[in-house]
Amino acid sequence: MRVGLYLNTLGTDLDTLLARMRTAAAAGFSGVFLSQLTSLDAITVAALGAREAPGLEVGTAVVQTFPRHPLALAGQALTAQAVSGNRFTLGVGPSHRQIIEGSYGLSYDRPARHTREYLSALVPLLRGEAVEYRGTTLSVAGQVEVPGATPPPVLLAALGPEMLRIAGELADGTVTTWTGAAAIADHVAPRITEAARAAGRPAPRVVASALVAVTDDPDRVREEVAGRLGFAAGFASYRSMLARQGLSGLHETVIAGDESTVGRELARFADAGTTDFLLSPAGDEPDQARTLDFAASWYADRP
């Protein structure tokens, strides 16, 4: 299992993000994935970071599909791939009704159908193919050519059975959030792997992201997460995943405790079939520094 970092772009300036990417590369982490919120553009930052952090995989987790036409996103992703020296991975997802309708003013009708049609057009575009696609939720006619860019891997944010099926059939893997090791083992990995096998595709990547804190006060960390992010438990896909795990709040998925506790949890993710673990440091600054030091050491010691 590779171990990388998940960085939140909201409220963080460009120089700080680039510095964190350089630090991640120097510490030996496998990659850095960036959130796409109403802040810095994650694809642009990823491309810039790749230039400053040689050898590091860079990616998004995730870019919302509804606001970006496949032709536009393909051009941007292939440009990032060229800038990065072909080390860019594109994570996409339909996001949530509250965001797409509430913030963008777009219809969130039939998100699974939209996602299937979106990937049906996007993936060939990323291969440089001419696409003529007419679906029920979108239409695409065109081709994108970016010299020097290979098709970037595509990950789909998928938690429910139908989205995992789409990810296995059309994408190169999935990226999850608020999902523990048991749910990866029992739900995510088997479903996406079977879908990929049935479609004749290679074994998919299972990329799991989680908030992690090596700390002497795990309750404090979880309370802080509940206060800051607890509202997102109202999003339908997150609510369903929490229910599947017998949980009621996002803070319950936070991995927090001393080094041995966090190490055991990381090992559980590896045993569950996670191919890539994206760690988002939580807690105060000393907690985060301790977390990064431990995670880098844990990863370096893995066979």
C-alpha atoms as a PDB file:
ATOM      1  CA  MET A   1       0.000   0.000   0.000  1.00  0.00           C
ATOM      2  CA  ARG A   2       1.362   3.370  -1.036  1.00  0.00           C
ATOM      3  CA  VAL A   3       0.967   6.241   1.407  1.00  0.00           C
ATOM      4  CA  GLY A   4       0.468   9.814   0.254  1.00  0.00           C
ATOM      5  CA  LEU A   5      -1.060  13.031   1.518  1.00  0.00           C
ATOM      6  CA  TYR A   6      -4.411  14.685   0.981  1.00  0.00           C
ATOM      7  CA  LEU A   7      -4.187  18.473   1.161  1.00  0.00           C
ATOM      8  CA  ASN A   8      -7.119  20.838   1.569  1.00  0.00           C
ATOM      9  CA  THR A   9      -6.866  23.822  -0.786  1.00  0.00           C
ATOM     10  CA  LEU A  10      -9.476  25.892   1.065  1.00  0.00           C
ATOM     11  CA  GLY A  11      -7.907  28.543   3.258  1.00  0.00           C
ATOM     12  CA  THR A  12      -4.348  27.667   2.236  1.00  0.00           C
ATOM     13  CA  ASP A  13      -2.246  29.898  -0.008  1.00  0.00           C
ATOM     14  CA  LEU A  14      -0.365  28.630  -3.056  1.00  0.00           C
ATOM     15  CA  ASP A  15       3.138  28.958  -1.614  1.00  0.00           C
ATOM     16  CA  THR A  16       2.160  26.925   1.452  1.00  0.00           C
ATOM     17  CA  LEU A  17       0.633  24.156  -0.645  1.00  0.00           C
ATOM     18  CA  LEU A  18       3.696  23.966  -2.881  1.00  0.00           C
ATOM     19  CA  ALA A  19       5.969  23.880   0.160  1.00  0.00           C
ATOM     20  CA  ARG A  20       3.943  21.009   1.619  1.00  0.00           C
ATOM     21  CA  MET A  21       4.229  19.113  -1.656  1.00  0.00           C
ATOM     22  CA  ARG A  22       8.003  19.564  -1.677  1.00  0.00           C
ATOM     23  CA  THR A  23       8.138  18.367   1.926  1.00  0.00           C
ATOM     24  CA  ALA A  24       6.005  15.326   1.071  1.00  0.00           C
ATOM     25  CA  ALA A  25       8.360  14.357  -1.727  1.00  0.00           C
ATOM     26  CA  ALA A  26      11.422  14.797   0.485  1.00  0.00           C
ATOM     27  CA  ALA A  27       9.799  12.666   3.206  1.00  0.00           C
ATOM     28  CA  GLY A  28       9.247   9.818   0.767  1.00  0.00           C
ATOM     29  CA  PHE A  29       5.462   9.915   0.442  1.00  0.00           C
ATOM     30  CA  SER A  30       4.113   8.435  -2.783  1.00  0.00           C
ATOM     31  CA  GLY A  31       1.943  11.355  -3.848  1.00  0.00           C
ATOM     32  CA  VAL A  32      -0.171  14.368  -2.963  1.00  0.00           C
ATOM     33  CA  PHE A  33      -3.827  14.767  -3.887  1.00  0.00           C
ATOM     34  CA  LEU A  34      -5.655  18.078  -3.588  1.00  0.00           C
ATOM     35  CA  SER A  35      -9.245  18.970  -2.833  1.00  0.00           C
ATOM     36  CA  GLN A  36     -11.286  21.021  -5.297  1.00  0.00           C
ATOM     37  CA  LEU A  37     -13.365  23.559  -3.396  1.00  0.00           C
ATOM     38  CA  THR A  38     -14.190  27.225  -3.905  1.00  0.00           C
ATOM     39  CA  SER A  39     -10.559  28.221  -3.695  1.00  0.00           C
ATOM     40  CA  LEU A  40      -7.396  27.522  -5.696  1.00  0.00           C
ATOM     41  CA  ASP A  41      -7.861  25.312  -8.735  1.00  0.00           C
ATOM     42  CA  ALA A  42      -6.631  21.861  -7.714  1.00  0.00           C
ATOM     43  CA  ILE A  43      -5.498  20.766 -11.185  1.00  0.00           C
ATOM     44  CA  THR A  44      -3.372  23.867 -11.636  1.00  0.00           C
ATOM     45  CA  VAL A  45      -1.798  23.519  -8.193  1.00  0.00           C
ATOM     46  CA  ALA A  46      -1.105  19.830  -8.814  1.00  0.00           C
ATOM     47  CA  ALA A  47       0.705  20.608 -12.062  1.00  0.00           C
ATOM     48  CA  LEU A  48       2.786  23.336 -10.438  1.00  0.00           C
ATOM     49  CA  GLY A  49       3.591  21.073  -7.500  1.00  0.00           C
ATOM     50  CA  ALA A  50       4.827  18.306  -9.763  1.00  0.00           C
ATOM     51  CA  ARG A  51       7.381  20.697 -11.228  1.00  0.00           C
ATOM     52  CA  GLU A  52       8.676  21.485  -7.737  1.00  0.00           C
ATOM     53  CA  ALA A  53       8.532  17.948  -6.316  1.00  0.00           C
ATOM     54  CA  PRO A  54      10.237  15.522  -8.727  1.00  0.00           C
ATOM     55  CA  GLY A  55       9.010  11.943  -8.581  1.00  0.00           C
ATOM     56  CA  LEU A  56       5.817  12.765  -6.713  1.00  0.00           C
ATOM     57  CA  GLU A  57       2.454  11.612  -8.055  1.00  0.00           C
ATOM     58  CA  VAL A  58       0.035  14.533  -8.029  1.00  0.00           C
ATOM     59  CA  GLY A  59      -3.709  14.413  -8.349  1.00  0.00           C
ATOM     60  CA  THR A  60      -7.157  15.699  -7.466  1.00  0.00           C
ATOM     61  CA  ALA A  61      -9.643  14.293  -4.976  1.00  0.00           C
ATOM     62  CA  VAL A  62     -11.903  15.337  -6.490  1.00  0.00           C
ATOM     63  CA  VAL A  63     -12.954  17.726  -9.277  1.00  0.00           C
ATOM     64  CA  GLN A  64     -16.733  18.097  -9.581  1.00  0.00           C
ATOM     65  CA  THR A  65     -18.087  16.857 -12.903  1.00  0.00           C
ATOM     66  CA  PHE A  66     -21.337  18.813 -13.203  1.00  0.00           C
ATOM     67  CA  PRO A  67     -19.750  22.295 -13.510  1.00  0.00           C
ATOM     68  CA  ARG A  68     -17.062  21.242 -16.047  1.00  0.00           C
ATOM     69  CA  HIS A  69     -17.853  19.969 -19.504  1.00  0.00           C
ATOM     70  CA  PRO A  70     -15.804  16.874 -20.443  1.00  0.00           C
ATOM     71  CA  LEU A  71     -14.065  18.741 -23.279  1.00  0.00           C
ATOM     72  CA  ALA A  72     -12.953  21.491 -20.919  1.00  0.00           C
ATOM     73  CA  LEU A  73     -11.832  19.093 -18.204  1.00  0.00           C
ATOM     74  CA  ALA A  74      -9.962  16.887 -20.679  1.00  0.00           C
ATOM     75  CA  GLY A  75      -7.988  19.861 -21.943  1.00  0.00           C
ATOM     76  CA  GLN A  76      -7.122  20.984 -18.436  1.00  0.00           C
ATOM     77  CA  ALA A  77      -6.185  17.492 -17.246  1.00  0.00           C
ATOM     78  CA  LEU A  78      -4.000  16.749 -20.273  1.00  0.00           C
ATOM     79  CA  THR A  79      -2.261  20.089 -19.838  1.00  0.00           C
ATOM     80  CA  ALA A  80      -1.527  19.190 -16.214  1.00  0.00           C
ATOM     81  CA  GLN A  81      -0.255  15.824 -17.386  1.00  0.00           C
ATOM     82  CA  ALA A  82       2.132  17.487 -19.820  1.00  0.00           C
ATOM     83  CA  VAL A  83       3.316  20.027 -17.233  1.00  0.00           C
ATOM     84  CA  SER A  84       3.848  17.328 -14.603  1.00  0.00           C
ATOM     85  CA  GLY A  85       5.865  15.033 -16.814  1.00  0.00           C
ATOM     86  CA  ASN A  86       2.985  12.534 -16.885  1.00  0.00           C
ATOM     87  CA  ARG A  87       2.649  12.209 -13.106  1.00  0.00           C
ATOM     88  CA  PHE A  88      -0.905  13.526 -12.826  1.00  0.00           C
ATOM     89  CA  THR A  89      -3.963  11.511 -11.750  1.00  0.00           C
ATOM     90  CA  LEU A  90      -7.436  12.951 -12.274  1.00  0.00           C
ATOM     91  CA  GLY A  91      -9.939  12.287  -9.514  1.00  0.00           C
ATOM     92  CA  VAL A  92     -13.512  13.245 -10.369  1.00  0.00           C
ATOM     93  CA  GLY A  93     -16.934  12.941  -8.792  1.00  0.00           C
ATOM     94  CA  PRO A  94     -20.474  14.297  -9.096  1.00  0.00           C
ATOM     95  CA  SER A  95     -20.268  16.004  -5.680  1.00  0.00           C
ATOM     96  CA  HIS A  96     -23.497  16.533  -3.721  1.00  0.00           C
ATOM     97  CA  ARG A  97     -26.928  17.989  -4.386  1.00  0.00           C
ATOM     98  CA  GLN A  98     -26.419  20.775  -1.814  1.00  0.00           C
ATOM     99  CA  ILE A  99     -23.308  21.970  -3.661  1.00  0.00           C
ATOM    100  CA  ILE A 100     -24.299  21.456  -7.300  1.00  0.00           C
ATOM    101  CA  GLU A 101     -27.784  22.911  -6.940  1.00  0.00           C
ATOM    102  CA  GLY A 102     -27.183  25.259  -4.021  1.00  0.00           C
ATOM    103  CA  SER A 103     -23.863  26.788  -5.126  1.00  0.00           C
ATOM    104  CA  TYR A 104     -23.694  26.250  -8.887  1.00  0.00           C
ATOM    105  CA  GLY A 105     -27.403  26.467  -9.636  1.00  0.00           C
ATOM    106  CA  LEU A 106     -27.271  23.321 -11.760  1.00  0.00           C
ATOM    107  CA  SER A 107     -29.586  20.327 -11.737  1.00  0.00           C
ATOM    108  CA  TYR A 108     -28.354  17.306  -9.771  1.00  0.00           C
ATOM    109  CA  ASP A 109     -30.818  15.033 -11.502  1.00  0.00           C
ATOM    110  CA  ARG A 110     -29.714  11.393 -11.964  1.00  0.00           C
ATOM    111  CA  PRO A 111     -26.118  11.711 -10.699  1.00  0.00           C
ATOM    112  CA  ALA A 112     -25.207   8.078 -11.402  1.00  0.00           C
ATOM    113  CA  ARG A 113     -26.453   8.306 -15.007  1.00  0.00           C
ATOM    114  CA  HIS A 114     -24.638  11.620 -15.389  1.00  0.00           C
ATOM    115  CA  THR A 115     -21.410  10.061 -14.064  1.00  0.00           C
ATOM    116  CA  ARG A 116     -21.595   7.097 -16.427  1.00  0.00           C
ATOM    117  CA  GLU A 117     -22.190   9.355 -19.413  1.00  0.00           C
ATOM    118  CA  TYR A 118     -19.518  11.810 -18.288  1.00  0.00           C
ATOM    119  CA  LEU A 119     -16.835   9.105 -18.054  1.00  0.00           C
ATOM    120  CA  SER A 120     -17.995   7.547 -21.327  1.00  0.00           C
ATOM    121  CA  ALA A 121     -17.041  10.823 -23.012  1.00  0.00           C
ATOM    122  CA  LEU A 122     -14.136  11.941 -20.827  1.00  0.00           C
ATOM    123  CA  VAL A 123     -11.986   8.806 -20.917  1.00  0.00           C
ATOM    124  CA  PRO A 124     -11.769   8.634 -24.740  1.00  0.00           C
ATOM    125  CA  LEU A 125     -11.054  12.372 -24.835  1.00  0.00           C
ATOM    126  CA  LEU A 126      -8.122  11.827 -22.471  1.00  0.00           C
ATOM    127  CA  ARG A 127      -6.807   9.248 -24.936  1.00  0.00           C
ATOM    128  CA  GLY A 128      -6.860  11.897 -27.658  1.00  0.00           C
ATOM    129  CA  GLU A 129      -9.764  10.304 -29.499  1.00  0.00           C
ATOM    130  CA  ALA A 130     -12.422  12.178 -31.409  1.00  0.00           C
ATOM    131  CA  VAL A 131     -15.676  11.858 -29.487  1.00  0.00           C
ATOM    132  CA  GLU A 132     -19.241  12.170 -30.712  1.00  0.00           C
ATOM    133  CA  TYR A 133     -21.449  11.390 -27.742  1.00  0.00           C
ATOM    134  CA  ARG A 134     -25.116  12.129 -27.190  1.00  0.00           C
ATOM    135  CA  GLY A 135     -26.458  11.096 -23.809  1.00  0.00           C
ATOM    136  CA  THR A 136     -29.487  11.989 -21.759  1.00  0.00           C
ATOM    137  CA  THR A 137     -27.515  14.266 -19.401  1.00  0.00           C
ATOM    138  CA  LEU A 138     -24.782  15.668 -21.662  1.00  0.00           C
ATOM    139  CA  SER A 139     -23.535  15.904 -25.233  1.00  0.00           C
ATOM    140  CA  VAL A 140     -19.940  16.010 -26.421  1.00  0.00           C
ATOM    141  CA  ALA A 141     -18.486  16.499 -29.895  1.00  0.00           C
ATOM    142  CA  GLY A 142     -14.786  17.157 -30.291  1.00  0.00           C
ATOM    143  CA  GLN A 143     -11.216  16.121 -29.684  1.00  0.00           C
ATOM    144  CA  VAL A 144      -8.408  17.321 -27.406  1.00  0.00           C
ATOM    145  CA  GLU A 145      -4.776  17.072 -28.471  1.00  0.00           C
ATOM    146  CA  VAL A 146      -1.982  17.992 -26.034  1.00  0.00           C
ATOM    147  CA  PRO A 147       1.515  17.073 -27.275  1.00  0.00           C
ATOM    148  CA  GLY A 148       3.630  15.183 -24.765  1.00  0.00           C
ATOM    149  CA  ALA A 149       0.733  14.131 -22.533  1.00  0.00           C
ATOM    150  CA  THR A 150      -0.187  10.496 -21.941  1.00  0.00           C
ATOM    151  CA  PRO A 151      -3.737   9.675 -20.792  1.00  0.00           C
ATOM    152  CA  PRO A 152      -3.855  10.341 -17.045  1.00  0.00           C
ATOM    153  CA  PRO A 153      -5.382   7.709 -14.764  1.00  0.00           C
ATOM    154  CA  VAL A 154      -8.929   8.524 -13.729  1.00  0.00           C
ATOM    155  CA  LEU A 155     -10.308   7.848 -10.257  1.00  0.00           C
ATOM    156  CA  LEU A 156     -13.988   8.173  -9.417  1.00  0.00           C
ATOM    157  CA  ALA A 157     -15.268   9.178  -6.001  1.00  0.00           C
ATOM    158  CA  ALA A 158     -17.535   6.212  -5.333  1.00  0.00           C
ATOM    159  CA  LEU A 159     -19.149   4.960  -2.137  1.00  0.00           C
ATOM    160  CA  GLY A 160     -22.449   3.328  -3.134  1.00  0.00           C
ATOM    161  CA  PRO A 161     -22.859   0.104  -5.135  1.00  0.00           C
ATOM    162  CA  GLU A 162     -23.861   1.766  -8.408  1.00  0.00           C
ATOM    163  CA  MET A 163     -21.031   4.295  -8.335  1.00  0.00           C
ATOM    164  CA  LEU A 164     -18.529   1.544  -7.512  1.00  0.00           C
ATOM    165  CA  ARG A 165     -19.820  -0.422 -10.485  1.00  0.00           C
ATOM    166  CA  ILE A 166     -19.298   2.599 -12.738  1.00  0.00           C
ATOM    167  CA  ALA A 167     -15.809   3.121 -11.323  1.00  0.00           C
ATOM    168  CA  GLY A 168     -14.855  -0.475 -12.012  1.00  0.00           C
ATOM    169  CA  GLU A 169     -16.235  -0.434 -15.543  1.00  0.00           C
ATOM    170  CA  LEU A 170     -15.040   2.969 -16.748  1.00  0.00           C
ATOM    171  CA  ALA A 171     -12.348   4.381 -14.446  1.00  0.00           C
ATOM    172  CA  ASP A 172      -8.983   3.222 -13.165  1.00  0.00           C
ATOM    173  CA  GLY A 173     -10.143   3.040  -9.573  1.00  0.00           C
ATOM    174  CA  THR A 174     -11.962   4.831  -6.814  1.00  0.00           C
ATOM    175  CA  VAL A 175     -11.090   7.370  -4.144  1.00  0.00           C
ATOM    176  CA  THR A 176     -13.090   7.197  -0.919  1.00  0.00           C
ATOM    177  CA  THR A 177     -13.613   9.396   2.099  1.00  0.00           C
ATOM    178  CA  TRP A 178     -15.156   8.844   5.556  1.00  0.00           C
ATOM    179  CA  THR A 179     -14.708   5.124   4.974  1.00  0.00           C
ATOM    180  CA  GLY A 180     -12.974   2.787   7.418  1.00  0.00           C
ATOM    181  CA  ALA A 181     -10.874  -0.283   6.730  1.00  0.00           C
ATOM    182  CA  ALA A 182     -13.730  -2.724   7.363  1.00  0.00           C
ATOM    183  CA  ALA A 183     -15.928  -1.028   4.761  1.00  0.00           C
ATOM    184  CA  ILE A 184     -13.046  -1.086   2.275  1.00  0.00           C
ATOM    185  CA  ALA A 185     -12.621  -4.824   2.835  1.00  0.00           C
ATOM    186  CA  ASP A 186     -16.296  -5.795   2.858  1.00  0.00           C
ATOM    187  CA  HIS A 187     -17.856  -3.317   0.446  1.00  0.00           C
ATOM    188  CA  VAL A 188     -15.585  -1.089  -1.631  1.00  0.00           C
ATOM    189  CA  ALA A 189     -12.768  -3.368  -2.778  1.00  0.00           C
ATOM    190  CA  PRO A 190     -14.916  -6.416  -3.650  1.00  0.00           C
ATOM    191  CA  ARG A 191     -17.504  -4.425  -5.594  1.00  0.00           C
ATOM    192  CA  ILE A 192     -15.130  -2.351  -7.684  1.00  0.00           C
ATOM    193  CA  THR A 193     -12.814  -5.282  -8.312  1.00  0.00           C
ATOM    194  CA  GLU A 194     -15.639  -7.502  -9.518  1.00  0.00           C
ATOM    195  CA  ALA A 195     -16.973  -4.726 -11.773  1.00  0.00           C
ATOM    196  CA  ALA A 196     -13.542  -4.230 -13.323  1.00  0.00           C
ATOM    197  CA  ARG A 197     -13.077  -7.979 -13.798  1.00  0.00           C
ATOM    198  CA  ALA A 198     -16.478  -8.342 -15.463  1.00  0.00           C
ATOM    199  CA  ALA A 199     -15.629  -5.456 -17.806  1.00  0.00           C
ATOM    200  CA  GLY A 200     -12.283  -7.018 -18.725  1.00  0.00           C
ATOM    201  CA  ARG A 201     -10.323  -4.204 -17.119  1.00  0.00           C
ATOM    202  CA  PRO A 202      -7.169  -4.361 -14.962  1.00  0.00           C
ATOM    203  CA  ALA A 203      -7.438  -4.553 -11.192  1.00  0.00           C
ATOM    204  CA  PRO A 204      -8.531  -1.098 -10.009  1.00  0.00           C
ATOM    205  CA  ARG A 205      -6.822   1.220  -7.573  1.00  0.00           C
ATOM    206  CA  VAL A 206      -8.580   1.595  -4.239  1.00  0.00           C
ATOM    207  CA  VAL A 207      -7.511   4.961  -2.863  1.00  0.00           C
ATOM    208  CA  ALA A 208      -8.725   5.669   0.669  1.00  0.00           C
ATOM    209  CA  SER A 209      -8.443   9.065   2.315  1.00  0.00           C
ATOM    210  CA  ALA A 210      -8.799   9.696   6.029  1.00  0.00           C
ATOM    211  CA  LEU A 211      -8.117  12.284   8.697  1.00  0.00           C
ATOM    212  CA  VAL A 212      -5.269  11.024  10.889  1.00  0.00           C
ATOM    213  CA  ALA A 213      -3.784  12.358  14.108  1.00  0.00           C
ATOM    214  CA  VAL A 214      -0.964  10.882  16.154  1.00  0.00           C
ATOM    215  CA  THR A 215      -1.917  12.538  19.409  1.00  0.00           C
ATOM    216  CA  ASP A 216      -2.223  12.114  23.147  1.00  0.00           C
ATOM    217  CA  ASP A 217      -5.747  13.535  23.056  1.00  0.00           C
ATOM    218  CA  PRO A 218      -7.820  11.771  20.375  1.00  0.00           C
ATOM    219  CA  ASP A 219     -11.122  12.958  21.846  1.00  0.00           C
ATOM    220  CA  ARG A 220     -10.086  16.590  21.369  1.00  0.00           C
ATOM    221  CA  VAL A 221      -9.212  15.921  17.728  1.00  0.00           C
ATOM    222  CA  ARG A 222     -12.510  14.194  17.019  1.00  0.00           C
ATOM    223  CA  GLU A 223     -14.492  16.965  18.715  1.00  0.00           C
ATOM    224  CA  GLU A 224     -12.706  19.544  16.566  1.00  0.00           C
ATOM    225  CA  VAL A 225     -13.506  17.583  13.401  1.00  0.00           C
ATOM    226  CA  ALA A 226     -17.144  17.222  14.443  1.00  0.00           C
ATOM    227  CA  GLY A 227     -17.443  20.966  14.953  1.00  0.00           C
ATOM    228  CA  ARG A 228     -15.703  21.886  11.720  1.00  0.00           C
ATOM    229  CA  LEU A 229     -16.961  19.232   9.292  1.00  0.00           C
ATOM    230  CA  GLY A 230     -19.881  17.516  10.958  1.00  0.00           C
ATOM    231  CA  PHE A 231     -22.411  19.259   8.687  1.00  0.00           C
ATOM    232  CA  ALA A 232     -21.238  17.107   5.758  1.00  0.00           C
ATOM    233  CA  ALA A 233     -22.856  14.053   7.360  1.00  0.00           C
ATOM    234  CA  GLY A 234     -26.044  15.487   5.884  1.00  0.00           C
ATOM    235  CA  PHE A 235     -24.846  14.748   2.350  1.00  0.00           C
ATOM    236  CA  ALA A 236     -26.686  11.669   1.086  1.00  0.00           C
ATOM    237  CA  SER A 237     -23.678   9.608  -0.026  1.00  0.00           C
ATOM    238  CA  TYR A 238     -21.808  10.257   3.221  1.00  0.00           C
ATOM    239  CA  ARG A 239     -24.890   9.548   5.308  1.00  0.00           C
ATOM    240  CA  SER A 240     -25.342   6.200   3.552  1.00  0.00           C
ATOM    241  CA  MET A 241     -21.713   5.223   4.040  1.00  0.00           C
ATOM    242  CA  LEU A 242     -21.833   6.138   7.720  1.00  0.00           C
ATOM    243  CA  ALA A 243     -24.984   4.024   8.135  1.00  0.00           C
ATOM    244  CA  ARG A 244     -23.296   1.104   6.373  1.00  0.00           C
ATOM    245  CA  GLN A 245     -20.538   1.310   8.986  1.00  0.00           C
ATOM    246  CA  GLY A 246     -22.905   1.685  11.938  1.00  0.00           C
ATOM    247  CA  LEU A 247     -21.714   5.249  12.563  1.00  0.00           C
ATOM    248  CA  SER A 248     -23.576   8.520  13.019  1.00  0.00           C
ATOM    249  CA  GLY A 249     -20.910  11.195  12.545  1.00  0.00           C
ATOM    250  CA  LEU A 250     -17.931  11.858  10.307  1.00  0.00           C
ATOM    251  CA  HIS A 251     -15.694  12.381  13.334  1.00  0.00           C
ATOM    252  CA  GLU A 252     -16.085   8.686  14.143  1.00  0.00           C
ATOM    253  CA  THR A 253     -13.993   7.792  11.082  1.00  0.00           C
ATOM    254  CA  VAL A 254     -10.996   9.852  12.241  1.00  0.00           C
ATOM    255  CA  ILE A 255      -7.918   7.732  12.975  1.00  0.00           C
ATOM    256  CA  ALA A 256      -6.486   9.157  16.183  1.00  0.00           C
ATOM    257  CA  GLY A 257      -4.277   7.920  18.997  1.00  0.00           C
ATOM    258  CA  ASP A 258      -0.668   7.151  19.745  1.00  0.00           C
ATOM    259  CA  GLU A 259       1.811   5.714  17.257  1.00  0.00           C
ATOM    260  CA  SER A 260       0.883   2.102  17.875  1.00  0.00           C
ATOM    261  CA  THR A 261      -2.836   2.822  17.495  1.00  0.00           C
ATOM    262  CA  VAL A 262      -2.401   4.683  14.229  1.00  0.00           C
ATOM    263  CA  GLY A 263       0.039   2.074  12.925  1.00  0.00           C
ATOM    264  CA  ARG A 264      -2.480  -0.708  13.539  1.00  0.00           C
ATOM    265  CA  GLU A 265      -5.158   1.221  11.653  1.00  0.00           C
ATOM    266  CA  LEU A 266      -2.882   1.839   8.679  1.00  0.00           C
ATOM    267  CA  ALA A 267      -2.074  -1.872   8.577  1.00  0.00           C
ATOM    268  CA  ARG A 268      -5.808  -2.668   8.598  1.00  0.00           C
ATOM    269  CA  PHE A 269      -6.296  -0.508   5.501  1.00  0.00           C
ATOM    270  CA  ALA A 270      -3.439  -2.306   3.753  1.00  0.00           C
ATOM    271  CA  ASP A 271      -4.912  -5.704   4.657  1.00  0.00           C
ATOM    272  CA  ALA A 272      -8.356  -4.575   3.440  1.00  0.00           C
ATOM    273  CA  GLY A 273      -7.172  -4.160  -0.138  1.00  0.00           C
ATOM    274  CA  THR A 274      -6.358  -0.452  -0.134  1.00  0.00           C
ATOM    275  CA  THR A 275      -3.761   0.258  -2.818  1.00  0.00           C
ATOM    276  CA  ASP A 276      -3.174   3.883  -1.804  1.00  0.00           C
ATOM    277  CA  PHE A 277      -3.816   5.602   1.505  1.00  0.00           C
ATOM    278  CA  LEU A 278      -4.130   9.400   1.508  1.00  0.00           C
ATOM    279  CA  LEU A 279      -3.442  10.839   4.922  1.00  0.00           C
ATOM    280  CA  SER A 280      -4.868  14.202   5.920  1.00  0.00           C
ATOM    281  CA  PRO A 281      -3.135  15.363   9.119  1.00  0.00           C
ATOM    282  CA  ALA A 282      -5.550  16.438  11.850  1.00  0.00           C
ATOM    283  CA  GLY A 283      -5.169  18.059  15.247  1.00  0.00           C
ATOM    284  CA  ASP A 284      -3.065  21.016  16.277  1.00  0.00           C
ATOM    285  CA  GLU A 285       0.311  21.835  14.734  1.00  0.00           C
ATOM    286  CA  PRO A 286       2.346  19.565  17.054  1.00  0.00           C
ATOM    287  CA  ASP A 287      -0.102  16.715  16.384  1.00  0.00           C
ATOM    288  CA  GLN A 288       0.185  17.223  12.629  1.00  0.00           C
ATOM    289  CA  ALA A 289       3.985  17.307  12.715  1.00  0.00           C
ATOM    290  CA  ARG A 290       4.039  14.150  14.818  1.00  0.00           C
ATOM    291  CA  THR A 291       1.576  12.497  12.443  1.00  0.00           C
ATOM    292  CA  LEU A 292       3.627  13.261   9.351  1.00  0.00           C
ATOM    293  CA  ASP A 293       6.854  12.072  10.976  1.00  0.00           C
ATOM    294  CA  PHE A 294       5.268   8.808  12.056  1.00  0.00           C
ATOM    295  CA  ALA A 295       3.492   8.168   8.744  1.00  0.00           C
ATOM    296  CA  ALA A 296       6.678   8.740   6.743  1.00  0.00           C
ATOM    297  CA  SER A 297       8.575   6.362   9.014  1.00  0.00           C
ATOM    298  CA  TRP A 298       5.802   3.745   8.917  1.00  0.00           C
ATOM    299  CA  TYR A 299       5.694   3.877   5.125  1.00  0.00           C
ATOM    300  CA  ALA A 300       9.484   3.714   4.776  1.00  0.00           C
ATOM    301  CA  ASP A 301       9.562   0.574   6.933  1.00  0.00           C
ATOM    302  CA  ARG A 302       6.958  -1.274   4.851  1.00  0.00           C
ATOM    303  CA  PRO A 303       8.339  -4.125   2.690  1.00  0.00           C
END
